[in-house]
Amino acid sequence: MAPEAKAEKKAPVRLLYDTWADDEKRIPAGTLLDVPVSAAKELIAAGKAERADPLPGDDA
């Protein structure tokens, strides 16, 4: 019996530009999304999103 693959941790991001989901639906800029950490890093590095999680000590 193979162990289950661990689900990738998710991180919240705020889109800075409109983007399109895999199903071709438009996601407007300003939308908050929980995406896998790897996708969040790619979006942030490309300048298409910003982190949307609170800083330590912030009440959000």
N, C-alpha and C. Protein backbone atom coordinates (compact mmCIF):
# COMPACT_ATOMS: atom_id res chain seq x y z
N MET A 1 0.85 -1.18 0.00
CA MET A 1 0.00 0.00 0.00
C MET A 1 0.89 1.24 0.00
N ALA A 2 0.75 2.09 -1.01
CA ALA A 2 1.58 3.29 -1.13
C ALA A 2 1.04 4.40 -0.25
N PRO A 3 1.95 5.15 0.38
CA PRO A 3 1.49 6.27 1.21
C PRO A 3 0.89 7.35 0.31
N GLU A 4 -0.13 8.04 0.85
CA GLU A 4 -0.76 9.11 0.08
C GLU A 4 0.20 10.27 -0.12
N ALA A 5 0.15 10.89 -1.28
CA ALA A 5 0.98 12.07 -1.54
C ALA A 5 0.47 13.21 -0.67
N LYS A 6 1.41 13.87 -0.04
CA LYS A 6 1.04 14.98 0.84
C LYS A 6 0.60 16.17 -0.01
N ALA A 7 -0.52 16.77 0.34
CA ALA A 7 -1.01 17.93 -0.40
C ALA A 7 -0.05 19.09 -0.20
N GLU A 8 0.23 19.81 -1.28
CA GLU A 8 1.14 20.95 -1.19
C GLU A 8 0.49 22.07 -0.38
N LYS A 9 1.29 22.69 0.46
CA LYS A 9 0.82 23.79 1.28
C LYS A 9 0.38 24.94 0.39
N LYS A 10 -0.66 25.66 0.81
CA LYS A 10 -1.17 26.78 0.02
C LYS A 10 -0.82 28.11 0.68
N ALA A 11 -0.79 29.15 -0.16
CA ALA A 11 -0.48 30.49 0.32
C ALA A 11 -1.46 31.47 -0.33
N PRO A 12 -1.90 32.48 0.40
CA PRO A 12 -2.81 33.47 -0.19
C PRO A 12 -2.05 34.52 -0.99
N VAL A 13 -2.58 34.86 -2.17
CA VAL A 13 -2.01 35.93 -2.99
C VAL A 13 -3.14 36.83 -3.49
N ARG A 14 -2.79 38.08 -3.77
CA ARG A 14 -3.72 39.03 -4.39
C ARG A 14 -3.22 39.27 -5.81
N LEU A 15 -4.08 39.04 -6.79
CA LEU A 15 -3.69 39.23 -8.18
C LEU A 15 -3.54 40.72 -8.49
N LEU A 16 -2.48 41.08 -9.18
CA LEU A 16 -2.24 42.46 -9.58
C LEU A 16 -2.74 42.71 -11.00
N TYR A 17 -2.96 41.64 -11.76
CA TYR A 17 -3.45 41.72 -13.14
C TYR A 17 -4.54 40.68 -13.33
N ASP A 18 -5.43 40.92 -14.28
CA ASP A 18 -6.39 39.88 -14.65
C ASP A 18 -5.59 38.67 -15.13
N THR A 19 -6.10 37.50 -14.84
CA THR A 19 -5.44 36.28 -15.31
C THR A 19 -6.52 35.29 -15.70
N TRP A 20 -6.13 34.21 -16.35
CA TRP A 20 -7.09 33.22 -16.80
C TRP A 20 -6.78 31.88 -16.15
N ALA A 21 -7.83 31.24 -15.66
CA ALA A 21 -7.70 29.93 -15.04
C ALA A 21 -7.55 28.87 -16.12
N ASP A 22 -7.24 27.66 -15.71
CA ASP A 22 -7.07 26.55 -16.66
C ASP A 22 -8.33 26.31 -17.49
N ASP A 23 -9.50 26.64 -16.93
CA ASP A 23 -10.75 26.43 -17.66
C ASP A 23 -11.16 27.64 -18.51
N GLU A 24 -10.19 28.56 -18.75
CA GLU A 24 -10.37 29.73 -19.60
C GLU A 24 -11.29 30.80 -19.01
N LYS A 25 -11.60 30.72 -17.71
CA LYS A 25 -12.39 31.76 -17.06
C LYS A 25 -11.46 32.85 -16.56
N ARG A 26 -11.88 34.12 -16.76
CA ARG A 26 -11.08 35.26 -16.34
C ARG A 26 -11.21 35.46 -14.84
N ILE A 27 -10.07 35.70 -14.18
CA ILE A 27 -10.04 36.03 -12.76
C ILE A 27 -9.56 37.47 -12.67
N PRO A 28 -10.41 38.39 -12.18
CA PRO A 28 -10.04 39.81 -12.20
C PRO A 28 -8.93 40.17 -11.21
N ALA A 29 -8.18 41.22 -11.56
CA ALA A 29 -7.15 41.76 -10.67
C ALA A 29 -7.81 42.13 -9.34
N GLY A 30 -7.06 41.97 -8.26
CA GLY A 30 -7.57 42.27 -6.92
C GLY A 30 -8.17 41.06 -6.22
N THR A 31 -8.37 39.97 -6.94
CA THR A 31 -8.93 38.76 -6.36
C THR A 31 -7.91 38.11 -5.43
N LEU A 32 -8.38 37.65 -4.27
CA LEU A 32 -7.55 36.91 -3.33
C LEU A 32 -7.73 35.42 -3.62
N LEU A 33 -6.63 34.72 -3.78
CA LEU A 33 -6.66 33.29 -4.07
C LEU A 33 -5.73 32.54 -3.13
N ASP A 34 -6.13 31.33 -2.76
CA ASP A 34 -5.22 30.41 -2.07
C ASP A 34 -4.69 29.47 -3.14
N VAL A 35 -3.40 29.55 -3.41
CA VAL A 35 -2.78 28.72 -4.45
C VAL A 35 -1.63 27.94 -3.83
N PRO A 36 -1.20 26.86 -4.47
CA PRO A 36 -0.03 26.13 -3.97
C PRO A 36 1.17 27.07 -3.88
N VAL A 37 2.03 26.85 -2.91
CA VAL A 37 3.18 27.71 -2.66
C VAL A 37 4.03 27.87 -3.93
N SER A 38 4.22 26.80 -4.68
CA SER A 38 5.03 26.90 -5.90
C SER A 38 4.40 27.86 -6.90
N ALA A 39 3.09 27.81 -7.05
CA ALA A 39 2.39 28.72 -7.97
C ALA A 39 2.44 30.15 -7.44
N ALA A 40 2.32 30.31 -6.13
CA ALA A 40 2.40 31.65 -5.53
C ALA A 40 3.76 32.27 -5.80
N LYS A 41 4.82 31.49 -5.64
CA LYS A 41 6.18 32.00 -5.89
C LYS A 41 6.34 32.41 -7.35
N GLU A 42 5.80 31.62 -8.27
CA GLU A 42 5.89 31.94 -9.70
C GLU A 42 5.13 33.24 -10.01
N LEU A 43 3.92 33.39 -9.50
CA LEU A 43 3.12 34.59 -9.75
C LEU A 43 3.79 35.83 -9.18
N ILE A 44 4.34 35.72 -7.97
CA ILE A 44 5.00 36.86 -7.33
C ILE A 44 6.27 37.22 -8.09
N ALA A 45 7.07 36.23 -8.48
CA ALA A 45 8.31 36.48 -9.22
C ALA A 45 8.02 37.14 -10.57
N ALA A 46 6.89 36.80 -11.19
CA ALA A 46 6.53 37.36 -12.49
C ALA A 46 5.88 38.74 -12.36
N GLY A 47 5.66 39.19 -11.11
CA GLY A 47 5.04 40.50 -10.89
C GLY A 47 3.55 40.50 -11.13
N LYS A 48 2.93 39.33 -11.12
CA LYS A 48 1.50 39.23 -11.39
C LYS A 48 0.65 39.15 -10.14
N ALA A 49 1.30 38.98 -8.98
CA ALA A 49 0.57 38.86 -7.72
C ALA A 49 1.46 39.34 -6.58
N GLU A 50 0.82 39.56 -5.43
CA GLU A 50 1.56 39.92 -4.22
C GLU A 50 1.06 39.06 -3.08
N ARG A 51 1.88 38.93 -2.05
CA ARG A 51 1.47 38.15 -0.88
C ARG A 51 0.26 38.80 -0.25
N ALA A 52 -0.65 37.99 0.25
CA ALA A 52 -1.85 38.51 0.88
C ALA A 52 -2.02 38.00 2.30
N ASP A 53 -0.94 37.46 2.86
CA ASP A 53 -1.03 36.97 4.24
C ASP A 53 -0.59 38.07 5.19
N PRO A 54 -1.14 38.08 6.40
CA PRO A 54 -0.75 39.11 7.36
C PRO A 54 0.67 38.90 7.87
N LEU A 55 1.32 39.99 8.20
CA LEU A 55 2.64 39.90 8.82
C LEU A 55 2.47 39.42 10.25
N PRO A 56 3.51 38.78 10.81
CA PRO A 56 3.39 38.32 12.19
C PRO A 56 3.05 39.50 13.11
N GLY A 57 2.05 39.28 13.96
CA GLY A 57 1.63 40.31 14.89
C GLY A 57 0.45 41.12 14.38
N ASP A 58 0.16 41.04 13.08
CA ASP A 58 -1.00 41.74 12.52
C ASP A 58 -2.25 40.93 12.77
N ASP A 59 -3.33 41.61 13.08
CA ASP A 59 -4.62 40.94 13.21
C ASP A 59 -5.37 41.11 11.90
N ALA A 60 -5.53 40.02 11.18
CA ALA A 60 -6.20 40.14 9.88
C ALA A 60 -7.45 39.34 9.83
